[in-house]
Amino acid sequence: MSSHYSQFPHFPPRFDLASDAILTYLRNEIPLGFWGVTRFDGERQVYLTVNNVAFPVTSGDSVAWADSMCQYMVLGETPNIAPDVREVPQYAAIEEASALSVGTYVGLPLVTSDGTLFGTLCGFDEKPHEDSLEAHQSLLELLVSLLANVLEADLDRTAVQRALEQAELRASTDTLTGLLNRGGWERLLEHEEARYRRFGDPGAVISVDLDHLKPINDTKGHHAGDEYLRTAARALADNVRSADIVARVGGDEFGILAPKTTADDAEELTRRLSQALHAVGVTASFGHAQYTIAEGFAGAWKAADTAMYQQKKTRREPFPSR
């Protein structure tokens, strides 16, 4: 192990900056072709921060957890350091199925204080290394422990800041429905963008467009249309989860930010919301999309909106004549 502790990384209070400092340090101390800090989102391994000179992987890329060597490492089924992945059957099988040529693997779990797996600190190289690589185990354990402490502090600080911002956003309400208005929705996504990029949180946005508002306004009057909107807003707000945020983003359009949500979760949530609307006499089209670091919330919202309009084209609920 190197004794050049004057180069030991400084740990900034932000998780992404601390990750970058650690990876830069590791690139100098243990010069593998790739070092990364990843997030496990329940389905995929997302590369949050990378220091990479060998593989076609950039920050924001992801791989299915089932195709990751880290899946075995975090369970304790395989060693943290494999100087030659061919000598570890599980790693060898992943390498053989991969389009990448991996000779060496290093990985340690990144776990929060409550025991939740956040992600991993991992490294790869194209060629196998000597067994002396295993001498770095203690250093790696120290670095991942320090990184976990920064992560914990940053998560706590972010939760407080998020709560304060959301309290302020409550003033940005739609007067008719009491939900967040368009301006508040846009500020919410802007605030959350940096956090989702920093922590790689899974999340989804849902686009909702009500049916029949115009014919209700035309045939029954705007007071009936207003009540239709209020009824829909109550049904949506009453049937989302506590962390979800609902906004009225247009005349008969609503947006929902659903944190900690996989694609399957979002599908189930939209199904539940559709049923809740039907129960109060409202029909609507839905679309949902996952947040990704590459596309951001702007891309997710556009994709959700596109999916919603596609559903609207295929369903076309007739307006009741009575």
C-alpha atoms as a PDB file:
ATOM      1  CA  MET A   1       0.000   0.000   0.000  1.00  0.00           C
ATOM      2  CA  SER A   2       1.253   3.459  -0.822  1.00  0.00           C
ATOM      3  CA  SER A   3       2.411   5.637   2.067  1.00  0.00           C
ATOM      4  CA  HIS A   4       1.820   8.932   0.261  1.00  0.00           C
ATOM      5  CA  TYR A   5      -0.865  10.095   2.698  1.00  0.00           C
ATOM      6  CA  SER A   6      -0.230  13.712   1.784  1.00  0.00           C
ATOM      7  CA  GLN A   7      -2.307  12.836  -1.288  1.00  0.00           C
ATOM      8  CA  PHE A   8      -5.131  11.323   0.799  1.00  0.00           C
ATOM      9  CA  PRO A   9      -8.363  12.846  -0.494  1.00  0.00           C
ATOM     10  CA  HIS A  10     -10.124  15.751   1.164  1.00  0.00           C
ATOM     11  CA  PHE A  11     -13.770  14.905   1.806  1.00  0.00           C
ATOM     12  CA  PRO A  12     -16.121  17.732   0.777  1.00  0.00           C
ATOM     13  CA  PRO A  13     -19.537  17.720   2.471  1.00  0.00           C
ATOM     14  CA  ARG A  14     -21.330  16.865  -0.780  1.00  0.00           C
ATOM     15  CA  PHE A  15     -21.542  13.220  -1.741  1.00  0.00           C
ATOM     16  CA  ASP A  16     -20.821  13.729  -5.441  1.00  0.00           C
ATOM     17  CA  LEU A  17     -17.741  15.848  -4.754  1.00  0.00           C
ATOM     18  CA  ALA A  18     -16.473  13.364  -2.163  1.00  0.00           C
ATOM     19  CA  SER A  19     -17.031  10.533  -4.648  1.00  0.00           C
ATOM     20  CA  ASP A  20     -15.003  12.358  -7.272  1.00  0.00           C
ATOM     21  CA  ALA A  21     -12.171  12.995  -4.788  1.00  0.00           C
ATOM     22  CA  ILE A  22     -12.031   9.332  -3.786  1.00  0.00           C
ATOM     23  CA  LEU A  23     -12.043   8.081  -7.359  1.00  0.00           C
ATOM     24  CA  THR A  24      -9.255  10.480  -8.323  1.00  0.00           C
ATOM     25  CA  TYR A  25      -7.232   9.243  -5.363  1.00  0.00           C
ATOM     26  CA  LEU A  26      -7.853   5.592  -6.242  1.00  0.00           C
ATOM     27  CA  ARG A  27      -6.936   6.180  -9.868  1.00  0.00           C
ATOM     28  CA  ASN A  28      -3.479   7.292  -8.651  1.00  0.00           C
ATOM     29  CA  GLU A  29      -3.047   4.729  -5.869  1.00  0.00           C
ATOM     30  CA  ILE A  30      -4.575   1.680  -7.580  1.00  0.00           C
ATOM     31  CA  PRO A  31      -4.504   2.489 -11.289  1.00  0.00           C
ATOM     32  CA  LEU A  32      -7.286   0.335 -12.661  1.00  0.00           C
ATOM     33  CA  GLY A  33      -8.886   1.308 -15.955  1.00  0.00           C
ATOM     34  CA  PHE A  34     -12.199   2.142 -14.273  1.00  0.00           C
ATOM     35  CA  TRP A  35     -13.273   3.330 -10.844  1.00  0.00           C
ATOM     36  CA  GLY A  36     -16.861   4.210 -10.061  1.00  0.00           C
ATOM     37  CA  VAL A  37     -19.396   4.985  -7.363  1.00  0.00           C
ATOM     38  CA  THR A  38     -22.728   3.411  -8.201  1.00  0.00           C
ATOM     39  CA  ARG A  39     -26.329   3.451  -6.981  1.00  0.00           C
ATOM     40  CA  PHE A  40     -28.538   0.371  -6.704  1.00  0.00           C
ATOM     41  CA  ASP A  41     -32.078   1.564  -7.474  1.00  0.00           C
ATOM     42  CA  GLY A  42     -33.816  -1.746  -6.898  1.00  0.00           C
ATOM     43  CA  GLU A  43     -33.545  -2.853 -10.518  1.00  0.00           C
ATOM     44  CA  ARG A  44     -30.368  -1.414 -11.990  1.00  0.00           C
ATOM     45  CA  GLN A  45     -26.860  -0.365 -11.083  1.00  0.00           C
ATOM     46  CA  VAL A  46     -26.489   3.304 -11.988  1.00  0.00           C
ATOM     47  CA  TYR A  47     -22.996   4.771 -12.416  1.00  0.00           C
ATOM     48  CA  LEU A  48     -23.130   8.063 -10.522  1.00  0.00           C
ATOM     49  CA  THR A  49     -19.477   9.146 -10.625  1.00  0.00           C
ATOM     50  CA  VAL A  50     -16.783   7.532 -12.737  1.00  0.00           C
ATOM     51  CA  ASN A  51     -13.055   7.857 -13.301  1.00  0.00           C
ATOM     52  CA  ASN A  52     -12.549   5.854 -16.434  1.00  0.00           C
ATOM     53  CA  VAL A  53      -9.892   5.465 -19.097  1.00  0.00           C
ATOM     54  CA  ALA A  54     -10.664   1.964 -20.353  1.00  0.00           C
ATOM     55  CA  PHE A  55     -14.372   1.232 -20.760  1.00  0.00           C
ATOM     56  CA  PRO A  56     -17.254   2.868 -22.678  1.00  0.00           C
ATOM     57  CA  VAL A  57     -19.099   3.810 -19.465  1.00  0.00           C
ATOM     58  CA  THR A  58     -19.980   7.355 -18.390  1.00  0.00           C
ATOM     59  CA  SER A  59     -21.817   8.936 -15.491  1.00  0.00           C
ATOM     60  CA  GLY A  60     -25.530   8.237 -15.805  1.00  0.00           C
ATOM     61  CA  ASP A  61     -25.116   4.908 -17.604  1.00  0.00           C
ATOM     62  CA  SER A  62     -26.622   1.856 -15.971  1.00  0.00           C
ATOM     63  CA  VAL A  63     -26.687  -1.920 -16.162  1.00  0.00           C
ATOM     64  CA  ALA A  64     -29.284  -4.392 -14.946  1.00  0.00           C
ATOM     65  CA  TRP A  65     -28.408  -5.504 -11.415  1.00  0.00           C
ATOM     66  CA  ALA A  66     -28.684  -9.108 -12.591  1.00  0.00           C
ATOM     67  CA  ASP A  67     -25.848  -8.407 -15.057  1.00  0.00           C
ATOM     68  CA  SER A  68     -23.554  -6.853 -12.450  1.00  0.00           C
ATOM     69  CA  MET A  69     -20.673  -8.517 -10.627  1.00  0.00           C
ATOM     70  CA  CYS A  70     -21.599  -6.402  -7.603  1.00  0.00           C
ATOM     71  CA  GLN A  71     -24.788  -8.429  -7.060  1.00  0.00           C
ATOM     72  CA  TYR A  72     -22.687 -11.329  -5.766  1.00  0.00           C
ATOM     73  CA  MET A  73     -20.194  -9.200  -3.857  1.00  0.00           C
ATOM     74  CA  VAL A  74     -22.839  -7.433  -1.728  1.00  0.00           C
ATOM     75  CA  LEU A  75     -24.255 -10.794  -0.663  1.00  0.00           C
ATOM     76  CA  GLY A  76     -20.822 -11.905   0.516  1.00  0.00           C
ATOM     77  CA  GLU A  77     -20.803 -14.782  -1.952  1.00  0.00           C
ATOM     78  CA  THR A  78     -17.663 -13.584  -3.747  1.00  0.00           C
ATOM     79  CA  PRO A  79     -14.480 -11.725  -2.769  1.00  0.00           C
ATOM     80  CA  ASN A  80     -14.235  -7.928  -2.748  1.00  0.00           C
ATOM     81  CA  ILE A  81     -11.043  -8.137  -4.772  1.00  0.00           C
ATOM     82  CA  ALA A  82     -10.660 -10.531  -7.691  1.00  0.00           C
ATOM     83  CA  PRO A  83      -7.257  -9.979  -9.339  1.00  0.00           C
ATOM     84  CA  ASP A  84      -8.388 -12.460 -12.015  1.00  0.00           C
ATOM     85  CA  VAL A  85     -12.153 -12.666 -12.528  1.00  0.00           C
ATOM     86  CA  ARG A  86     -11.746 -16.013 -14.303  1.00  0.00           C
ATOM     87  CA  GLU A  87     -10.917 -17.595 -10.955  1.00  0.00           C
ATOM     88  CA  VAL A  88     -14.312 -16.625  -9.476  1.00  0.00           C
ATOM     89  CA  PRO A  89     -17.105 -18.549 -11.262  1.00  0.00           C
ATOM     90  CA  GLN A  90     -19.824 -15.924 -10.702  1.00  0.00           C
ATOM     91  CA  TYR A  91     -17.623 -13.108 -11.972  1.00  0.00           C
ATOM     92  CA  ALA A  92     -16.404 -15.221 -14.860  1.00  0.00           C
ATOM     93  CA  ALA A  93     -19.996 -15.906 -15.969  1.00  0.00           C
ATOM     94  CA  ILE A  94     -20.843 -12.188 -15.907  1.00  0.00           C
ATOM     95  CA  GLU A  95     -17.672 -11.327 -17.831  1.00  0.00           C
ATOM     96  CA  GLU A  96     -18.365 -13.982 -20.432  1.00  0.00           C
ATOM     97  CA  ALA A  97     -21.903 -12.694 -21.026  1.00  0.00           C
ATOM     98  CA  SER A  98     -20.767  -9.074 -21.158  1.00  0.00           C
ATOM     99  CA  ALA A  99     -19.681  -7.175 -24.231  1.00  0.00           C
ATOM    100  CA  LEU A 100     -16.771  -5.808 -22.158  1.00  0.00           C
ATOM    101  CA  SER A 101     -13.483  -7.565 -21.500  1.00  0.00           C
ATOM    102  CA  VAL A 102     -12.919  -7.481 -17.740  1.00  0.00           C
ATOM    103  CA  GLY A 103      -9.846  -9.093 -16.190  1.00  0.00           C
ATOM    104  CA  THR A 104      -9.937  -7.602 -12.677  1.00  0.00           C
ATOM    105  CA  TYR A 105     -12.809  -6.672 -10.369  1.00  0.00           C
ATOM    106  CA  VAL A 106     -12.849  -4.713  -7.114  1.00  0.00           C
ATOM    107  CA  GLY A 107     -16.055  -3.910  -5.251  1.00  0.00           C
ATOM    108  CA  LEU A 108     -17.276  -2.886  -1.812  1.00  0.00           C
ATOM    109  CA  PRO A 109     -20.849  -2.203  -0.699  1.00  0.00           C
ATOM    110  CA  LEU A 110     -21.845   1.356   0.158  1.00  0.00           C
ATOM    111  CA  VAL A 111     -24.342   1.014   2.992  1.00  0.00           C
ATOM    112  CA  THR A 112     -26.199   3.622   5.067  1.00  0.00           C
ATOM    113  CA  SER A 113     -26.295   3.458   8.877  1.00  0.00           C
ATOM    114  CA  ASP A 114     -29.665   1.667   8.890  1.00  0.00           C
ATOM    115  CA  GLY A 115     -28.184  -1.162   6.825  1.00  0.00           C
ATOM    116  CA  THR A 116     -29.722  -0.133   3.499  1.00  0.00           C
ATOM    117  CA  LEU A 117     -27.624  -0.877   0.423  1.00  0.00           C
ATOM    118  CA  PHE A 118     -27.159   2.440  -1.383  1.00  0.00           C
ATOM    119  CA  GLY A 119     -24.714   1.209  -4.013  1.00  0.00           C
ATOM    120  CA  THR A 120     -21.081   0.256  -4.411  1.00  0.00           C
ATOM    121  CA  LEU A 121     -17.552   1.505  -4.837  1.00  0.00           C
ATOM    122  CA  CYS A 122     -16.151  -0.595  -7.649  1.00  0.00           C
ATOM    123  CA  GLY A 123     -13.217  -0.880 -10.011  1.00  0.00           C
ATOM    124  CA  PHE A 124     -12.418  -2.842 -13.163  1.00  0.00           C
ATOM    125  CA  ASP A 125      -9.446  -3.407 -15.372  1.00  0.00           C
ATOM    126  CA  GLU A 126      -9.144  -5.056 -18.757  1.00  0.00           C
ATOM    127  CA  LYS A 127      -6.313  -7.326 -17.706  1.00  0.00           C
ATOM    128  CA  PRO A 128      -5.829  -9.570 -14.650  1.00  0.00           C
ATOM    129  CA  HIS A 129      -3.597  -8.252 -11.851  1.00  0.00           C
ATOM    130  CA  GLU A 130      -1.236  -9.871  -9.409  1.00  0.00           C
ATOM    131  CA  ASP A 131      -2.549 -11.140  -6.082  1.00  0.00           C
ATOM    132  CA  SER A 132      -0.791  -8.217  -4.373  1.00  0.00           C
ATOM    133  CA  LEU A 133      -3.861  -6.164  -5.300  1.00  0.00           C
ATOM    134  CA  GLU A 134      -5.571  -7.792  -2.308  1.00  0.00           C
ATOM    135  CA  ALA A 135      -3.256  -5.845   0.021  1.00  0.00           C
ATOM    136  CA  HIS A 136      -5.424  -2.769  -0.661  1.00  0.00           C
ATOM    137  CA  GLN A 137      -8.469  -4.251   1.081  1.00  0.00           C
ATOM    138  CA  SER A 138      -8.044  -2.185   4.276  1.00  0.00           C
ATOM    139  CA  LEU A 139      -7.578   1.046   2.351  1.00  0.00           C
ATOM    140  CA  LEU A 140     -10.696   0.380   0.295  1.00  0.00           C
ATOM    141  CA  GLU A 141     -12.734  -0.424   3.398  1.00  0.00           C
ATOM    142  CA  LEU A 142     -11.595   2.842   4.989  1.00  0.00           C
ATOM    143  CA  LEU A 143     -12.471   4.876   1.899  1.00  0.00           C
ATOM    144  CA  VAL A 144     -15.920   3.353   1.494  1.00  0.00           C
ATOM    145  CA  SER A 145     -16.591   3.904   5.211  1.00  0.00           C
ATOM    146  CA  LEU A 146     -15.648   7.579   4.920  1.00  0.00           C
ATOM    147  CA  LEU A 147     -17.747   7.925   1.790  1.00  0.00           C
ATOM    148  CA  ALA A 148     -20.723   6.371   3.596  1.00  0.00           C
ATOM    149  CA  ASN A 149     -20.368   8.988   6.347  1.00  0.00           C
ATOM    150  CA  VAL A 150     -20.406  11.803   3.790  1.00  0.00           C
ATOM    151  CA  LEU A 151     -23.402  10.206   2.081  1.00  0.00           C
ATOM    152  CA  GLU A 152     -25.314   9.982   5.366  1.00  0.00           C
ATOM    153  CA  ALA A 153     -24.625  13.625   6.251  1.00  0.00           C
ATOM    154  CA  ASP A 154     -25.537  14.807   2.740  1.00  0.00           C
ATOM    155  CA  LEU A 155     -28.777  12.793   2.747  1.00  0.00           C
ATOM    156  CA  ASP A 156     -29.774  14.272   6.124  1.00  0.00           C
ATOM    157  CA  ARG A 157     -28.931  17.798   5.013  1.00  0.00           C
ATOM    158  CA  THR A 158     -30.805  17.301   1.754  1.00  0.00           C
ATOM    159  CA  ALA A 159     -33.911  16.001   3.547  1.00  0.00           C
ATOM    160  CA  VAL A 160     -34.032  19.141   5.705  1.00  0.00           C
ATOM    161  CA  GLN A 161     -33.515  21.419   2.719  1.00  0.00           C
ATOM    162  CA  ARG A 162     -36.160  19.544   0.716  1.00  0.00           C
ATOM    163  CA  ALA A 163     -38.701  19.880   3.527  1.00  0.00           C
ATOM    164  CA  LEU A 164     -38.072  23.634   3.774  1.00  0.00           C
ATOM    165  CA  GLU A 165     -38.406  24.118   0.023  1.00  0.00           C
ATOM    166  CA  GLN A 166     -41.608  22.102  -0.168  1.00  0.00           C
ATOM    167  CA  ALA A 167     -43.062  24.156   2.675  1.00  0.00           C
ATOM    168  CA  GLU A 168     -42.270  27.294   0.678  1.00  0.00           C
ATOM    169  CA  LEU A 169     -43.761  25.765  -2.461  1.00  0.00           C
ATOM    170  CA  ARG A 170     -47.113  25.298  -0.715  1.00  0.00           C
ATOM    171  CA  ALA A 171     -47.640  28.994  -1.328  1.00  0.00           C
ATOM    172  CA  SER A 172     -47.508  28.231  -5.068  1.00  0.00           C
ATOM    173  CA  THR A 173     -50.934  26.656  -5.107  1.00  0.00           C
ATOM    174  CA  ASP A 174     -53.649  26.516  -7.713  1.00  0.00           C
ATOM    175  CA  THR A 175     -56.584  28.476  -6.287  1.00  0.00           C
ATOM    176  CA  LEU A 176     -59.213  26.109  -7.703  1.00  0.00           C
ATOM    177  CA  THR A 177     -57.821  22.754  -6.588  1.00  0.00           C
ATOM    178  CA  GLY A 178     -55.394  23.640  -3.802  1.00  0.00           C
ATOM    179  CA  LEU A 179     -52.670  21.637  -5.550  1.00  0.00           C
ATOM    180  CA  LEU A 180     -49.256  22.913  -6.562  1.00  0.00           C
ATOM    181  CA  ASN A 181     -49.582  25.171  -9.607  1.00  0.00           C
ATOM    182  CA  ARG A 182     -47.540  25.136 -12.823  1.00  0.00           C
ATOM    183  CA  GLY A 183     -44.919  27.552 -11.510  1.00  0.00           C
ATOM    184  CA  GLY A 184     -44.525  25.553  -8.314  1.00  0.00           C
ATOM    185  CA  TRP A 185     -44.260  22.319 -10.299  1.00  0.00           C
ATOM    186  CA  GLU A 186     -41.477  23.724 -12.465  1.00  0.00           C
ATOM    187  CA  ARG A 187     -39.578  24.993  -9.414  1.00  0.00           C
ATOM    188  CA  LEU A 188     -40.025  21.628  -7.705  1.00  0.00           C
ATOM    189  CA  LEU A 189     -38.469  19.755 -10.627  1.00  0.00           C
ATOM    190  CA  GLU A 190     -35.677  22.309 -10.839  1.00  0.00           C
ATOM    191  CA  HIS A 191     -34.862  21.869  -7.135  1.00  0.00           C
ATOM    192  CA  GLU A 192     -35.004  18.079  -7.349  1.00  0.00           C
ATOM    193  CA  GLU A 193     -32.914  17.795 -10.513  1.00  0.00           C
ATOM    194  CA  ALA A 194     -29.569  18.374  -8.786  1.00  0.00           C
ATOM    195  CA  ARG A 195     -30.439  15.976  -5.961  1.00  0.00           C
ATOM    196  CA  TYR A 196     -31.537  13.189  -8.253  1.00  0.00           C
ATOM    197  CA  ARG A 197     -28.344  13.615 -10.247  1.00  0.00           C
ATOM    198  CA  ARG A 198     -26.219  13.592  -7.078  1.00  0.00           C
ATOM    199  CA  PHE A 199     -27.754  10.532  -5.433  1.00  0.00           C
ATOM    200  CA  GLY A 200     -29.112   8.654  -8.438  1.00  0.00           C
ATOM    201  CA  ASP A 201     -32.509   8.246  -6.768  1.00  0.00           C
ATOM    202  CA  PRO A 202     -35.074   6.202  -8.675  1.00  0.00           C
ATOM    203  CA  GLY A 203     -38.195   8.162  -9.475  1.00  0.00           C
ATOM    204  CA  ALA A 204     -40.958   8.684 -11.993  1.00  0.00           C
ATOM    205  CA  VAL A 205     -43.170  11.440 -13.288  1.00  0.00           C
ATOM    206  CA  ILE A 206     -46.789  10.823 -14.233  1.00  0.00           C
ATOM    207  CA  SER A 207     -48.789  12.919 -16.684  1.00  0.00           C
ATOM    208  CA  VAL A 208     -52.583  12.956 -16.304  1.00  0.00           C
ATOM    209  CA  ASP A 209     -55.034  14.538 -18.754  1.00  0.00           C
ATOM    210  CA  LEU A 210     -58.730  14.517 -17.894  1.00  0.00           C
ATOM    211  CA  ASP A 211     -61.447  13.631 -20.375  1.00  0.00           C
ATOM    212  CA  HIS A 212     -64.571  15.727 -21.064  1.00  0.00           C
ATOM    213  CA  LEU A 213     -63.751  19.038 -19.355  1.00  0.00           C
ATOM    214  CA  LYS A 214     -64.623  21.099 -22.446  1.00  0.00           C
ATOM    215  CA  PRO A 215     -67.994  19.398 -23.121  1.00  0.00           C
ATOM    216  CA  ILE A 216     -68.870  19.696 -19.415  1.00  0.00           C
ATOM    217  CA  ASN A 217     -68.091  23.417 -19.546  1.00  0.00           C
ATOM    218  CA  ASP A 218     -70.065  23.786 -22.796  1.00  0.00           C
ATOM    219  CA  THR A 219     -73.169  21.828 -21.729  1.00  0.00           C
ATOM    220  CA  LYS A 220     -73.323  22.248 -17.943  1.00  0.00           C
ATOM    221  CA  GLY A 221     -71.460  25.475 -17.344  1.00  0.00           C
ATOM    222  CA  HIS A 222     -68.083  26.397 -15.909  1.00  0.00           C
ATOM    223  CA  HIS A 223     -69.201  25.833 -12.321  1.00  0.00           C
ATOM    224  CA  ALA A 224     -69.733  22.158 -13.218  1.00  0.00           C
ATOM    225  CA  GLY A 225     -66.348  22.075 -14.932  1.00  0.00           C
ATOM    226  CA  ASP A 226     -64.720  23.569 -11.852  1.00  0.00           C
ATOM    227  CA  GLU A 227     -66.325  20.928  -9.629  1.00  0.00           C
ATOM    228  CA  TYR A 228     -65.140  18.231 -12.062  1.00  0.00           C
ATOM    229  CA  LEU A 229     -61.567  19.511 -11.667  1.00  0.00           C
ATOM    230  CA  ARG A 230     -61.851  19.713  -7.876  1.00  0.00           C
ATOM    231  CA  THR A 231     -63.228  16.172  -7.745  1.00  0.00           C
ATOM    232  CA  ALA A 232     -60.356  14.884  -9.867  1.00  0.00           C
ATOM    233  CA  ALA A 233     -57.784  16.762  -7.789  1.00  0.00           C
ATOM    234  CA  ARG A 234     -59.130  15.295  -4.528  1.00  0.00           C
ATOM    235  CA  ALA A 235     -59.123  11.775  -5.956  1.00  0.00           C
ATOM    236  CA  LEU A 236     -55.529  12.108  -7.125  1.00  0.00           C
ATOM    237  CA  ALA A 237     -54.280  13.711  -3.907  1.00  0.00           C
ATOM    238  CA  ASP A 238     -56.059  11.144  -1.723  1.00  0.00           C
ATOM    239  CA  ASN A 239     -54.634   8.147  -3.566  1.00  0.00           C
ATOM    240  CA  VAL A 240     -50.958   8.995  -4.059  1.00  0.00           C
ATOM    241  CA  ARG A 241     -48.370   7.968  -1.481  1.00  0.00           C
ATOM    242  CA  SER A 242     -47.234  10.339   1.244  1.00  0.00           C
ATOM    243  CA  ALA A 243     -44.006  11.276  -0.576  1.00  0.00           C
ATOM    244  CA  ASP A 244     -45.685  11.847  -3.957  1.00  0.00           C
ATOM    245  CA  ILE A 245     -46.465  15.400  -5.068  1.00  0.00           C
ATOM    246  CA  VAL A 246     -49.435  16.311  -7.273  1.00  0.00           C
ATOM    247  CA  ALA A 247     -49.681  19.527  -9.282  1.00  0.00           C
ATOM    248  CA  ARG A 248     -52.194  21.056 -11.652  1.00  0.00           C
ATOM    249  CA  VAL A 249     -50.002  21.990 -14.589  1.00  0.00           C
ATOM    250  CA  GLY A 250     -52.657  23.120 -17.073  1.00  0.00           C
ATOM    251  CA  GLY A 251     -56.402  23.470 -17.569  1.00  0.00           C
ATOM    252  CA  ASP A 252     -57.225  19.762 -17.253  1.00  0.00           C
ATOM    253  CA  GLU A 253     -53.679  18.444 -16.903  1.00  0.00           C
ATOM    254  CA  PHE A 254     -51.987  17.194 -13.753  1.00  0.00           C
ATOM    255  CA  GLY A 255     -48.432  16.125 -13.000  1.00  0.00           C
ATOM    256  CA  ILE A 256     -47.201  13.797 -10.269  1.00  0.00           C
ATOM    257  CA  LEU A 257     -43.654  13.422  -8.996  1.00  0.00           C
ATOM    258  CA  ALA A 258     -43.258   9.941  -7.525  1.00  0.00           C
ATOM    259  CA  PRO A 259     -39.939   9.492  -5.662  1.00  0.00           C
ATOM    260  CA  LYS A 260     -38.363   6.084  -4.965  1.00  0.00           C
ATOM    261  CA  THR A 261     -40.425   4.603  -7.785  1.00  0.00           C
ATOM    262  CA  THR A 262     -39.472   1.887 -10.249  1.00  0.00           C
ATOM    263  CA  ALA A 263     -41.199   1.413 -13.607  1.00  0.00           C
ATOM    264  CA  ASP A 264     -43.366  -1.357 -12.102  1.00  0.00           C
ATOM    265  CA  ASP A 265     -44.244   0.891  -9.144  1.00  0.00           C
ATOM    266  CA  ALA A 266     -45.252   3.697 -11.513  1.00  0.00           C
ATOM    267  CA  GLU A 267     -47.435   1.333 -13.537  1.00  0.00           C
ATOM    268  CA  GLU A 268     -49.210   0.192 -10.371  1.00  0.00           C
ATOM    269  CA  LEU A 269     -49.626   3.776  -9.144  1.00  0.00           C
ATOM    270  CA  THR A 270     -51.198   4.930 -12.424  1.00  0.00           C
ATOM    271  CA  ARG A 271     -53.559   1.951 -12.329  1.00  0.00           C
ATOM    272  CA  ARG A 272     -54.648   2.843  -8.800  1.00  0.00           C
ATOM    273  CA  LEU A 273     -55.137   6.509  -9.690  1.00  0.00           C
ATOM    274  CA  SER A 274     -57.178   5.632 -12.767  1.00  0.00           C
ATOM    275  CA  GLN A 275     -59.445   3.445 -10.645  1.00  0.00           C
ATOM    276  CA  ALA A 276     -59.786   6.228  -8.059  1.00  0.00           C
ATOM    277  CA  LEU A 277     -60.863   8.693 -10.752  1.00  0.00           C
ATOM    278  CA  HIS A 278     -63.361   6.243 -12.238  1.00  0.00           C
ATOM    279  CA  ALA A 279     -64.850   5.764  -8.761  1.00  0.00           C
ATOM    280  CA  VAL A 280     -65.758   9.472  -8.619  1.00  0.00           C
ATOM    281  CA  GLY A 281     -66.999   9.697 -12.185  1.00  0.00           C
ATOM    282  CA  VAL A 282     -63.857  11.060 -13.841  1.00  0.00           C
ATOM    283  CA  THR A 283     -61.901   9.472 -16.667  1.00  0.00           C
ATOM    284  CA  ALA A 284     -58.408  10.400 -17.796  1.00  0.00           C
ATOM    285  CA  SER A 285     -55.403   9.352 -19.828  1.00  0.00           C
ATOM    286  CA  PHE A 286     -52.110   8.584 -18.099  1.00  0.00           C
ATOM    287  CA  GLY A 287     -48.478   8.390 -19.072  1.00  0.00           C
ATOM    288  CA  HIS A 288     -45.451   7.770 -16.903  1.00  0.00           C
ATOM    289  CA  ALA A 289     -41.681   7.772 -17.411  1.00  0.00           C
ATOM    290  CA  GLN A 290     -38.616   7.102 -15.282  1.00  0.00           C
ATOM    291  CA  TYR A 291     -36.143   9.766 -14.298  1.00  0.00           C
ATOM    292  CA  THR A 292     -32.661   9.162 -15.737  1.00  0.00           C
ATOM    293  CA  ILE A 293     -29.498  11.149 -15.167  1.00  0.00           C
ATOM    294  CA  ALA A 294     -28.962  11.408 -18.917  1.00  0.00           C
ATOM    295  CA  GLU A 295     -32.407  12.854 -19.768  1.00  0.00           C
ATOM    296  CA  GLY A 296     -33.224  14.607 -16.491  1.00  0.00           C
ATOM    297  CA  PHE A 297     -36.712  15.619 -15.421  1.00  0.00           C
ATOM    298  CA  ALA A 298     -37.265  17.525 -18.657  1.00  0.00           C
ATOM    299  CA  GLY A 299     -36.815  14.325 -20.630  1.00  0.00           C
ATOM    300  CA  ALA A 300     -38.904  12.270 -18.209  1.00  0.00           C
ATOM    301  CA  TRP A 301     -41.775  14.760 -18.328  1.00  0.00           C
ATOM    302  CA  LYS A 302     -41.681  14.877 -22.123  1.00  0.00           C
ATOM    303  CA  ALA A 303     -41.705  11.068 -22.306  1.00  0.00           C
ATOM    304  CA  ALA A 304     -44.585  10.825 -19.805  1.00  0.00           C
ATOM    305  CA  ASP A 305     -46.568  13.409 -21.747  1.00  0.00           C
ATOM    306  CA  THR A 306     -45.951  11.551 -25.019  1.00  0.00           C
ATOM    307  CA  ALA A 307     -47.102   8.281 -23.433  1.00  0.00           C
ATOM    308  CA  MET A 308     -50.221  10.001 -22.086  1.00  0.00           C
ATOM    309  CA  TYR A 309     -51.199  11.397 -25.492  1.00  0.00           C
ATOM    310  CA  GLN A 310     -50.581   7.998 -27.053  1.00  0.00           C
ATOM    311  CA  GLN A 311     -52.994   6.440 -24.561  1.00  0.00           C
ATOM    312  CA  LYS A 312     -55.515   9.203 -25.224  1.00  0.00           C
ATOM    313  CA  LYS A 313     -55.433   8.431 -28.955  1.00  0.00           C
ATOM    314  CA  THR A 314     -56.193   4.761 -28.364  1.00  0.00           C
ATOM    315  CA  ARG A 315     -58.972   5.105 -25.773  1.00  0.00           C
ATOM    316  CA  ARG A 316     -61.202   8.082 -26.694  1.00  0.00           C
ATOM    317  CA  GLU A 317     -63.799   7.740 -23.906  1.00  0.00           C
ATOM    318  CA  PRO A 318     -67.187   8.956 -25.177  1.00  0.00           C
ATOM    319  CA  PHE A 319     -68.785  11.845 -23.296  1.00  0.00           C
ATOM    320  CA  PRO A 320     -71.902  10.676 -21.443  1.00  0.00           C
ATOM    321  CA  SER A 321     -74.999  12.208 -23.005  1.00  0.00           C
ATOM    322  CA  ARG A 322     -76.918  12.390 -19.722  1.00  0.00           C
END
